[in-house]
PDB file of N, CA and C in Angstrom:
ATOM      1  N   MET A   1     -21.203   0.578  21.280  1.00  0.00           N
ATOM      2  CA  MET A   1     -20.442   1.176  21.609  1.00  0.00           C
ATOM      3  C   MET A   1     -18.800   0.853  20.745  1.00  0.00           C
ATOM      4  N   ASP A   2     -18.575  -0.454  20.380  1.00  0.00           N
ATOM      5  CA  ASP A   2     -17.432  -1.082  19.968  1.00  0.00           C
ATOM      6  C   ASP A   2     -18.046  -0.702  18.378  1.00  0.00           C
ATOM      7  N   LYS A   3     -18.949  -0.451  17.890  1.00  0.00           N
ATOM      8  CA  LYS A   3     -18.744  -0.018  16.730  1.00  0.00           C
ATOM      9  C   LYS A   3     -18.308   1.258  16.213  1.00  0.00           C
ATOM     10  N   PHE A   4     -18.985   1.963  17.187  1.00  0.00           N
ATOM     11  CA  PHE A   4     -18.445   3.338  17.347  1.00  0.00           C
ATOM     12  C   PHE A   4     -17.014   3.377  16.956  1.00  0.00           C
ATOM     13  N   SER A   5     -16.406   2.896  17.780  1.00  0.00           N
ATOM     14  CA  SER A   5     -14.765   2.610  18.434  1.00  0.00           C
ATOM     15  C   SER A   5     -14.070   2.122  16.743  1.00  0.00           C
ATOM     16  N   ASN A   6     -14.729   1.097  16.209  1.00  0.00           N
ATOM     17  CA  ASN A   6     -13.936   0.600  14.979  1.00  0.00           C
ATOM     18  C   ASN A   6     -14.355   1.709  13.893  1.00  0.00           C
ATOM     19  N   SER A   7     -15.289   2.522  13.824  1.00  0.00           N
ATOM     20  CA  SER A   7     -15.922   3.873  12.891  1.00  0.00           C
ATOM     21  C   SER A   7     -14.806   4.665  13.118  1.00  0.00           C
ATOM     22  N   LYS A   8     -14.455   5.158  14.177  1.00  0.00           N
ATOM     23  CA  LYS A   8     -13.252   5.875  14.567  1.00  0.00           C
ATOM     24  C   LYS A   8     -11.843   6.061  14.366  1.00  0.00           C
ATOM     25  N   ASP A   9     -11.906   4.435  14.155  1.00  0.00           N
ATOM     26  CA  ASP A   9     -10.256   3.959  14.289  1.00  0.00           C
ATOM     27  C   ASP A   9     -10.327   3.778  12.457  1.00  0.00           C
ATOM     28  N   GLU A  10     -11.648   3.478  12.125  1.00  0.00           N
ATOM     29  CA  GLU A  10     -11.189   3.489  10.764  1.00  0.00           C
ATOM     30  C   GLU A  10     -11.019   4.906  10.007  1.00  0.00           C
ATOM     31  N   GLU A  11     -11.786   5.756  10.683  1.00  0.00           N
ATOM     32  CA  GLU A  11     -11.440   7.069  10.119  1.00  0.00           C
ATOM     33  C   GLU A  11     -10.233   7.650  10.163  1.00  0.00           C
ATOM     34  N   VAL A  12      -9.483   7.074  11.373  1.00  0.00           N
ATOM     35  CA  VAL A  12      -7.759   7.498  11.731  1.00  0.00           C
ATOM     36  C   VAL A  12      -7.168   7.127  10.843  1.00  0.00           C
ATOM     37  N   ALA A  13      -7.374   5.876  10.583  1.00  0.00           N
ATOM     38  CA  ALA A  13      -6.679   5.000   9.592  1.00  0.00           C
ATOM     39  C   ALA A  13      -6.615   5.352   8.210  1.00  0.00           C
ATOM     40  N   LEU A  14      -8.031   6.280   7.839  1.00  0.00           N
ATOM     41  CA  LEU A  14      -8.095   6.662   6.183  1.00  0.00           C
ATOM     42  C   LEU A  14      -7.144   8.015   6.397  1.00  0.00           C
ATOM     43  N   HIS A  15      -7.398   8.733   7.391  1.00  0.00           N
ATOM     44  CA  HIS A  15      -6.513  10.255   7.419  1.00  0.00           C
ATOM     45  C   HIS A  15      -5.442   9.891   7.515  1.00  0.00           C
ATOM     46  N   ASN A  16      -4.227   8.726   8.389  1.00  0.00           N
ATOM     47  CA  ASN A  16      -3.228   8.694   8.189  1.00  0.00           C
ATOM     48  C   ASN A  16      -2.835   7.922   6.669  1.00  0.00           C
ATOM     49  N   ALA A  17      -3.615   7.201   6.165  1.00  0.00           N
ATOM     50  CA  ALA A  17      -3.263   7.000   4.945  1.00  0.00           C
ATOM     51  C   ALA A  17      -2.997   8.138   3.789  1.00  0.00           C
ATOM     52  N   GLU A  18      -4.206   8.957   3.865  1.00  0.00           N
ATOM     53  CA  GLU A  18      -4.287  10.172   2.917  1.00  0.00           C
ATOM     54  C   GLU A  18      -3.055  10.787   3.460  1.00  0.00           C
ATOM     55  N   THR A  19      -2.752  11.038   4.657  1.00  0.00           N
ATOM     56  CA  THR A  19      -1.689  11.770   5.164  1.00  0.00           C
ATOM     57  C   THR A  19      -0.237  11.481   4.454  1.00  0.00           C
ATOM     58  N   PHE A  20      -0.197   9.869   4.379  1.00  0.00           N
ATOM     59  CA  PHE A  20       1.208   9.678   3.991  1.00  0.00           C
ATOM     60  C   PHE A  20       0.920   9.871   2.219  1.00  0.00           C
ATOM     61  N   VAL A  21       0.250   9.632   1.813  1.00  0.00           N
ATOM     62  CA  VAL A  21       0.198   9.853   0.280  1.00  0.00           C
ATOM     63  C   VAL A  21       0.346  11.346   0.078  1.00  0.00           C
ATOM     64  N   LEU A  22      -0.203  12.367   0.922  1.00  0.00           N
ATOM     65  CA  LEU A  22       0.163  13.780   0.517  1.00  0.00           C
ATOM     66  C   LEU A  22       1.686  13.993   1.027  1.00  0.00           C
ATOM     67  N   GLU A  23       2.021  13.517   2.052  1.00  0.00           N
ATOM     68  CA  GLU A  23       3.619  13.364   2.298  1.00  0.00           C
ATOM     69  C   GLU A  23       4.578  12.948   0.843  1.00  0.00           C
ATOM     70  N   LYS A  24       4.188  11.800   0.736  1.00  0.00           N
ATOM     71  CA  LYS A  24       5.028  11.329  -0.476  1.00  0.00           C
ATOM     72  C   LYS A  24       5.299  11.970  -1.539  1.00  0.00           C
ATOM     73  N   LEU A  25       4.132  12.673  -2.078  1.00  0.00           N
ATOM     74  CA  LEU A  25       3.604  13.597  -3.299  1.00  0.00           C
ATOM     75  C   LEU A  25       4.303  14.741  -2.872  1.00  0.00           C
ATOM     76  N   PHE A  26       4.525  15.468  -1.908  1.00  0.00           N
ATOM     77  CA  PHE A  26       4.919  16.665  -0.990  1.00  0.00           C
ATOM     78  C   PHE A  26       6.740  16.182  -1.412  1.00  0.00           C
ATOM     79  N   ASN A  27       6.790  15.388  -1.122  1.00  0.00           N
ATOM     80  CA  ASN A  27       8.798  15.176  -1.053  1.00  0.00           C
ATOM     81  C   ASN A  27       8.990  14.936  -2.902  1.00  0.00           C
ATOM     82  N   LYS A  28       7.638  14.816  -4.080  1.00  0.00           N
ATOM     83  CA  LYS A  28       8.477  14.472  -4.914  1.00  0.00           C
ATOM     84  C   LYS A  28       8.222  15.931  -5.852  1.00  0.00           C
ATOM     85  N   SER A  29       7.329  16.768  -5.279  1.00  0.00           N
ATOM     86  CA  SER A  29       6.836  18.172  -5.870  1.00  0.00           C
ATOM     87  C   SER A  29       7.966  18.861  -6.427  1.00  0.00           C
ATOM     88  N   GLY A  30       8.701  19.114  -5.350  1.00  0.00           N
ATOM     89  CA  GLY A  30      10.284  19.828  -6.045  1.00  0.00           C
ATOM     90  C   GLY A  30      11.431  19.027  -7.332  1.00  0.00           C
ATOM     91  N   SER A  31      10.891  17.965  -7.628  1.00  0.00           N
ATOM     92  CA  SER A  31      11.598  17.249  -8.285  1.00  0.00           C
ATOM     93  C   SER A  31      11.422  17.373  -9.835  1.00  0.00           C
ATOM     94  N   ASP A  32      12.279  17.144 -11.211  1.00  0.00           N
ATOM     95  CA  ASP A  32      11.929  17.121 -12.005  1.00  0.00           C
ATOM     96  C   ASP A  32      10.811  16.080 -12.871  1.00  0.00           C
ATOM     97  N   ASP A  33      11.104  14.874 -12.183  1.00  0.00           N
ATOM     98  CA  ASP A  33      10.045  13.689 -12.421  1.00  0.00           C
ATOM     99  C   ASP A  33       8.793  13.592 -10.839  1.00  0.00           C
ATOM    100  N   TYR A  34       8.259  14.636 -10.874  1.00  0.00           N
ATOM    101  CA  TYR A  34       7.335  15.081 -10.031  1.00  0.00           C
ATOM    102  C   TYR A  34       5.852  14.052  -9.820  1.00  0.00           C
ATOM    103  N   TYR A  35       5.731  13.185 -10.275  1.00  0.00           N
ATOM    104  CA  TYR A  35       5.068  12.255 -10.399  1.00  0.00           C
ATOM    105  C   TYR A  35       5.263  10.774  -9.584  1.00  0.00           C
ATOM    106  N   VAL A  36       4.299  10.692  -8.547  1.00  0.00           N
ATOM    107  CA  VAL A  36       4.652   9.107  -7.977  1.00  0.00           C
ATOM    108  C   VAL A  36       3.620   7.930  -8.357  1.00  0.00           C
ATOM    109  N   SER A  37       4.313   7.437  -8.984  1.00  0.00           N
ATOM    110  CA  SER A  37       3.326   6.136  -9.247  1.00  0.00           C
ATOM    111  C   SER A  37       2.523   5.197  -8.422  1.00  0.00           C
ATOM    112  N   ILE A  38       1.610   4.413  -8.749  1.00  0.00           N
ATOM    113  CA  ILE A  38       0.956   3.953  -7.728  1.00  0.00           C
ATOM    114  C   ILE A  38       1.938   2.625  -7.082  1.00  0.00           C
ATOM    115  N   GLY A  39       2.654   1.989  -7.949  1.00  0.00           N
ATOM    116  CA  GLY A  39       3.477   1.020  -7.717  1.00  0.00           C
ATOM    117  C   GLY A  39       4.499   1.597  -6.626  1.00  0.00           C
ATOM    118  N   GLU A  40       5.128   2.762  -6.678  1.00  0.00           N
ATOM    119  CA  GLU A  40       5.810   3.297  -5.653  1.00  0.00           C
ATOM    120  C   GLU A  40       4.867   4.070  -4.573  1.00  0.00           C
ATOM    121  N   LEU A  41       3.764   3.962  -4.361  1.00  0.00           N
ATOM    122  CA  LEU A  41       3.248   4.424  -3.456  1.00  0.00           C
ATOM    123  C   LEU A  41       2.856   2.810  -2.665  1.00  0.00           C
ATOM    124  N   MET A  42       2.527   2.177  -3.158  1.00  0.00           N
ATOM    125  CA  MET A  42       2.475   1.031  -2.597  1.00  0.00           C
ATOM    126  C   MET A  42       3.565   0.373  -2.068  1.00  0.00           C
ATOM    127  N   THR A  43       4.560   0.190  -2.592  1.00  0.00           N
ATOM    128  CA  THR A  43       5.494  -0.107  -1.955  1.00  0.00           C
ATOM    129  C   THR A  43       6.292   0.138  -1.012  1.00  0.00           C
ATOM    130  N   SER A  44       6.081   1.338  -0.723  1.00  0.00           N
ATOM    131  CA  SER A  44       6.434   2.565   0.342  1.00  0.00           C
ATOM    132  C   SER A  44       6.074   2.686   1.661  1.00  0.00           C
ATOM    133  N   MET A  45       4.455   2.363   1.264  1.00  0.00           N
ATOM    134  CA  MET A  45       3.390   2.312   2.400  1.00  0.00           C
ATOM    135  C   MET A  45       3.765   1.101   3.166  1.00  0.00           C
ATOM    136  N   ASP A  46       2.949   1.827   4.575  1.00  0.00           N
ATOM    137  CA  ASP A  46       3.145   0.285   5.527  1.00  0.00           C
ATOM    138  C   ASP A  46       1.707  -0.757   5.156  1.00  0.00           C
ATOM    139  N   ASN A  47       2.537  -1.794   5.735  1.00  0.00           N
ATOM    140  CA  ASN A  47       1.284  -3.171   5.331  1.00  0.00           C
ATOM    141  C   ASN A  47      -0.125  -2.601   5.835  1.00  0.00           C
ATOM    142  N   ALA A  48      -0.213  -2.402   7.199  1.00  0.00           N
ATOM    143  CA  ALA A  48      -0.943  -1.787   7.650  1.00  0.00           C
ATOM    144  C   ALA A  48      -2.235  -0.885   7.200  1.00  0.00           C
ATOM    145  N   MET A  49      -1.436   0.356   6.822  1.00  0.00           N
ATOM    146  CA  MET A  49      -2.250   0.869   5.576  1.00  0.00           C
ATOM    147  C   MET A  49      -2.430   0.791   4.274  1.00  0.00           C
ATOM    148  N   TYR A  50      -2.023  -0.488   3.451  1.00  0.00           N
ATOM    149  CA  TYR A  50      -2.186  -0.849   2.121  1.00  0.00           C
ATOM    150  C   TYR A  50      -3.738  -0.831   1.618  1.00  0.00           C
ATOM    151  N   PRO A  51      -4.406  -1.588   2.847  1.00  0.00           N
ATOM    152  CA  PRO A  51      -6.071  -1.682   2.142  1.00  0.00           C
ATOM    153  C   PRO A  51      -6.534  -0.676   2.059  1.00  0.00           C
ATOM    154  N   LEU A  52      -5.852   0.340   2.363  1.00  0.00           N
ATOM    155  CA  LEU A  52      -7.081   2.125   2.761  1.00  0.00           C
ATOM    156  C   LEU A  52      -6.440   2.811   1.492  1.00  0.00           C
ATOM    157  N   LEU A  53      -5.378   2.361   0.980  1.00  0.00           N
ATOM    158  CA  LEU A  53      -4.440   3.383  -0.395  1.00  0.00           C
ATOM    159  C   LEU A  53      -5.448   3.466  -1.167  1.00  0.00           C
ATOM    160  N   ASP A  54      -6.215   2.754  -1.953  1.00  0.00           N
ATOM    161  CA  ASP A  54      -7.097   3.299  -2.888  1.00  0.00           C
ATOM    162  C   ASP A  54      -8.234   4.546  -2.727  1.00  0.00           C
ATOM    163  N   GLN A  55      -8.812   3.747  -1.597  1.00  0.00           N
ATOM    164  CA  GLN A  55      -9.759   4.701  -1.242  1.00  0.00           C
ATOM    165  C   GLN A  55      -9.211   5.935  -0.281  1.00  0.00           C
ATOM    166  N   ALA A  56      -8.017   5.859  -0.028  1.00  0.00           N
ATOM    167  CA  ALA A  56      -7.183   7.453   0.248  1.00  0.00           C
ATOM    168  C   ALA A  56      -7.108   8.032  -0.932  1.00  0.00           C
ATOM    169  N   ILE A  57      -6.471   7.728  -2.072  1.00  0.00           N
ATOM    170  CA  ILE A  57      -6.519   8.264  -3.276  1.00  0.00           C
ATOM    171  C   ILE A  57      -7.878   9.158  -3.869  1.00  0.00           C
ATOM    172  N   GLU A  58      -8.538   7.572  -3.555  1.00  0.00           N
ATOM    173  CA  GLU A  58      -9.938   8.658  -4.202  1.00  0.00           C
ATOM    174  C   GLU A  58     -10.434   9.863  -3.669  1.00  0.00           C
ATOM    175  N   GLU A  59     -10.623   9.716  -2.202  1.00  0.00           N
ATOM    176  CA  GLU A  59     -10.810  10.994  -1.583  1.00  0.00           C
ATOM    177  C   GLU A  59      -9.758  11.957  -1.745  1.00  0.00           C
ATOM    178  N   LEU A  60      -8.750  11.849  -1.852  1.00  0.00           N
ATOM    179  CA  LEU A  60      -7.763  13.115  -1.959  1.00  0.00           C
ATOM    180  C   LEU A  60      -8.044  13.601  -3.341  1.00  0.00           C
ATOM    181  N   ILE A  61      -8.187  13.164  -4.271  1.00  0.00           N
ATOM    182  CA  ILE A  61      -8.876  13.199  -5.787  1.00  0.00           C
ATOM    183  C   ILE A  61     -10.176  14.063  -5.669  1.00  0.00           C
ATOM    184  N   ALA A  62     -10.999  13.604  -5.348  1.00  0.00           N
ATOM    185  CA  ALA A  62     -12.521  13.914  -4.661  1.00  0.00           C
ATOM    186  C   ALA A  62     -12.399  15.310  -4.131  1.00  0.00           C
ATOM    187  N   GLN A  63     -11.399  15.850  -3.437  1.00  0.00           N
ATOM    188  CA  GLN A  63     -11.435  16.875  -2.396  1.00  0.00           C
ATOM    189  C   GLN A  63     -10.250  17.779  -3.002  1.00  0.00           C
ATOM    190  N   SER A  64      -9.784  17.374  -4.477  1.00  0.00           N
ATOM    191  CA  SER A  64      -8.890  18.223  -5.317  1.00  0.00           C
ATOM    192  C   SER A  64      -7.610  18.374  -4.652  1.00  0.00           C
ATOM    193  N   PHE A  65      -7.234  17.294  -3.724  1.00  0.00           N
ATOM    194  CA  PHE A  65      -5.613  17.461  -3.419  1.00  0.00           C
ATOM    195  C   PHE A  65      -4.203  16.803  -4.172  1.00  0.00           C
ATOM    196  N   VAL A  66      -5.147  15.785  -4.936  1.00  0.00           N
ATOM    197  CA  VAL A  66      -4.124  14.967  -5.597  1.00  0.00           C
ATOM    198  C   VAL A  66      -4.700  15.220  -7.025  1.00  0.00           C
ATOM    199  N   HIS A  67      -3.897  14.992  -7.839  1.00  0.00           N
ATOM    200  CA  HIS A  67      -4.331  15.092  -9.654  1.00  0.00           C
ATOM    201  C   HIS A  67      -3.629  13.827 -10.429  1.00  0.00           C
ATOM    202  N   SER A  68      -4.468  13.219 -10.917  1.00  0.00           N
ATOM    203  CA  SER A  68      -3.799  12.384 -11.840  1.00  0.00           C
ATOM    204  C   SER A  68      -4.603  12.476 -12.829  1.00  0.00           C
ATOM    205  N   GLU A  69      -3.595  12.093 -14.500  1.00  0.00           N
ATOM    206  CA  GLU A  69      -3.913  12.537 -15.773  1.00  0.00           C
ATOM    207  C   GLU A  69      -4.081  11.441 -16.107  1.00  0.00           C
ATOM    208  N   ASP A  70      -3.684  10.080 -15.815  1.00  0.00           N
ATOM    209  CA  ASP A  70      -4.299   8.564 -16.298  1.00  0.00           C
ATOM    210  C   ASP A  70      -4.253   7.446 -15.518  1.00  0.00           C
ATOM    211  N   GLY A  71      -4.039   7.966 -14.032  1.00  0.00           N
ATOM    212  CA  GLY A  71      -4.752   6.925 -12.856  1.00  0.00           C
ATOM    213  C   GLY A  71      -4.060   6.305 -12.312  1.00  0.00           C
ATOM    214  N   GLU A  72      -2.715   6.527 -12.839  1.00  0.00           N
ATOM    215  CA  GLU A  72      -1.308   5.455 -12.388  1.00  0.00           C
ATOM    216  C   GLU A  72      -0.448   6.465 -11.773  1.00  0.00           C
ATOM    217  N   ASN A  73      -0.449   7.725 -12.383  1.00  0.00           N
ATOM    218  CA  ASN A  73       0.651   8.329 -11.428  1.00  0.00           C
ATOM    219  C   ASN A  73       0.065   9.538 -10.998  1.00  0.00           C
ATOM    220  N   TYR A  74       0.422  10.021  -9.719  1.00  0.00           N
ATOM    221  CA  TYR A  74      -0.477  11.085  -9.369  1.00  0.00           C
ATOM    222  C   TYR A  74       0.942  11.832  -8.453  1.00  0.00           C
ATOM    223  N   GLN A  75       0.322  13.531  -8.393  1.00  0.00           N
ATOM    224  CA  GLN A  75       0.820  14.941  -7.769  1.00  0.00           C
ATOM    225  C   GLN A  75       0.237  15.481  -7.027  1.00  0.00           C
ATOM    226  N   ILE A  76       0.665  15.779  -6.174  1.00  0.00           N
ATOM    227  CA  ILE A  76      -0.118  17.137  -5.240  1.00  0.00           C
ATOM    228  C   ILE A  76      -0.441  18.273  -5.818  1.00  0.00           C
ATOM    229  N   THR A  77      -1.713  18.839  -5.387  1.00  0.00           N
ATOM    230  CA  THR A  77      -2.241  20.054  -5.670  1.00  0.00           C
ATOM    231  C   THR A  77      -1.947  20.894  -5.078  1.00  0.00           C
ATOM    232  N   PRO A  78      -1.701  22.360  -5.142  1.00  0.00           N
ATOM    233  CA  PRO A  78      -1.353  23.489  -4.190  1.00  0.00           C
ATOM    234  C   PRO A  78      -2.404  23.559  -3.287  1.00  0.00           C
ATOM    235  N   ASP A  79      -3.930  23.156  -3.697  1.00  0.00           N
ATOM    236  CA  ASP A  79      -4.408  22.450  -2.372  1.00  0.00           C
ATOM    237  C   ASP A  79      -4.617  21.586  -1.333  1.00  0.00           C
ATOM    238  N   GLY A  80      -3.239  20.479  -2.287  1.00  0.00           N
ATOM    239  CA  GLY A  80      -3.035  19.456  -1.401  1.00  0.00           C
ATOM    240  C   GLY A  80      -1.866  19.717  -0.777  1.00  0.00           C
ATOM    241  N   ILE A  81      -1.351  20.911  -1.122  1.00  0.00           N
ATOM    242  CA  ILE A  81       0.167  21.174  -0.314  1.00  0.00           C
ATOM    243  C   ILE A  81      -0.512  22.233   0.819  1.00  0.00           C
ATOM    244  N   SER A  82      -1.165  22.939   0.797  1.00  0.00           N
ATOM    245  CA  SER A  82      -2.420  23.441   1.862  1.00  0.00           C
ATOM    246  C   SER A  82      -2.591  22.523   2.699  1.00  0.00           C
ATOM    247  N   GLU A  83      -3.359  21.441   2.370  1.00  0.00           N
ATOM    248  CA  GLU A  83      -4.184  20.513   3.461  1.00  0.00           C
ATOM    249  C   GLU A  83      -3.121  19.723   4.187  1.00  0.00           C
ATOM    250  N   LEU A  84      -1.767  19.532   3.291  1.00  0.00           N
ATOM    251  CA  LEU A  84      -0.726  19.041   4.149  1.00  0.00           C
ATOM    252  C   LEU A  84      -0.106  19.694   5.245  1.00  0.00           C
ATOM    253  N   LYS A  85       0.090  20.851   5.252  1.00  0.00           N
ATOM    254  CA  LYS A  85       0.139  21.841   5.792  1.00  0.00           C
ATOM    255  C   LYS A  85      -0.809  21.860   7.170  1.00  0.00           C
ATOM    256  N   THR A  86      -1.893  22.031   6.903  1.00  0.00           N
ATOM    257  CA  THR A  86      -3.019  22.239   8.077  1.00  0.00           C
ATOM    258  C   THR A  86      -2.607  20.851   8.528  1.00  0.00           C
ATOM    259  N   ARG A  87      -2.542  19.224   8.117  1.00  0.00           N
ATOM    260  CA  ARG A  87      -2.842  18.572   8.596  1.00  0.00           C
ATOM    261  C   ARG A  87      -1.232  18.137   9.892  1.00  0.00           C
ATOM    262  N   LYS A  88      -0.435  18.644   9.311  1.00  0.00           N
ATOM    263  CA  LYS A  88       0.735  18.829  10.204  1.00  0.00           C
ATOM    264  C   LYS A  88       0.364  19.345  11.716  1.00  0.00           C
ATOM    265  N   SER A  89       0.141  20.797  11.317  1.00  0.00           N
ATOM    266  CA  SER A  89      -0.327  21.089  12.283  1.00  0.00           C
ATOM    267  C   SER A  89      -0.998  20.857  13.292  1.00  0.00           C
ATOM    268  N   GLU A  90      -1.993  19.645  13.106  1.00  0.00           N
ATOM    269  CA  GLU A  90      -3.135  19.556  13.833  1.00  0.00           C
ATOM    270  C   GLU A  90      -2.750  18.571  14.864  1.00  0.00           C
ATOM    271  N   ALA A  91      -3.292  18.218  16.047  1.00  0.00           N
ATOM    272  CA  ALA A  91      -2.932  17.724  17.095  1.00  0.00           C
ATOM    273  C   ALA A  91      -2.732  15.902  16.429  1.00  0.00           C
ATOM    274  N   ILE A  92      -2.061  15.322  17.207  1.00  0.00           N
ATOM    275  CA  ILE A  92      -2.277  13.896  16.533  1.00  0.00           C
ATOM    276  C   ILE A  92      -3.154  12.931  17.304  1.00  0.00           C
ATOM    277  N   PRO A  93      -4.226  12.576  16.775  1.00  0.00           N
ATOM    278  CA  PRO A  93      -4.984  11.646  16.925  1.00  0.00           C
ATOM    279  C   PRO A  93      -4.717  10.654  17.952  1.00  0.00           C
ATOM    280  N   LEU A  94      -5.526  10.148  19.119  1.00  0.00           N
ATOM    281  CA  LEU A  94      -4.950   9.217  19.981  1.00  0.00           C
ATOM    282  C   LEU A  94      -5.721   7.775  19.442  1.00  0.00           C
TER     283      LEU A  94
END
């Protein structure tokens, strides 16, 4: 049972890290400088989520929610905006 609980906690933590990245990118999407650098993401992320940043970005890119031309700067895609809206309308996991 403990292993299941840890795995569920890890899923929730990764989901939260992904949502954080999507929100950060969405907030910059309307500006002239709409890319967010990995450094900016790292400095603005909560320390508890920081170890999940790379995995969250990889998952978001794999799902076409985030795009990066150089692997250093990221922008949200239209699918990412839709996903963020969906996540915001979901119930908050306990």
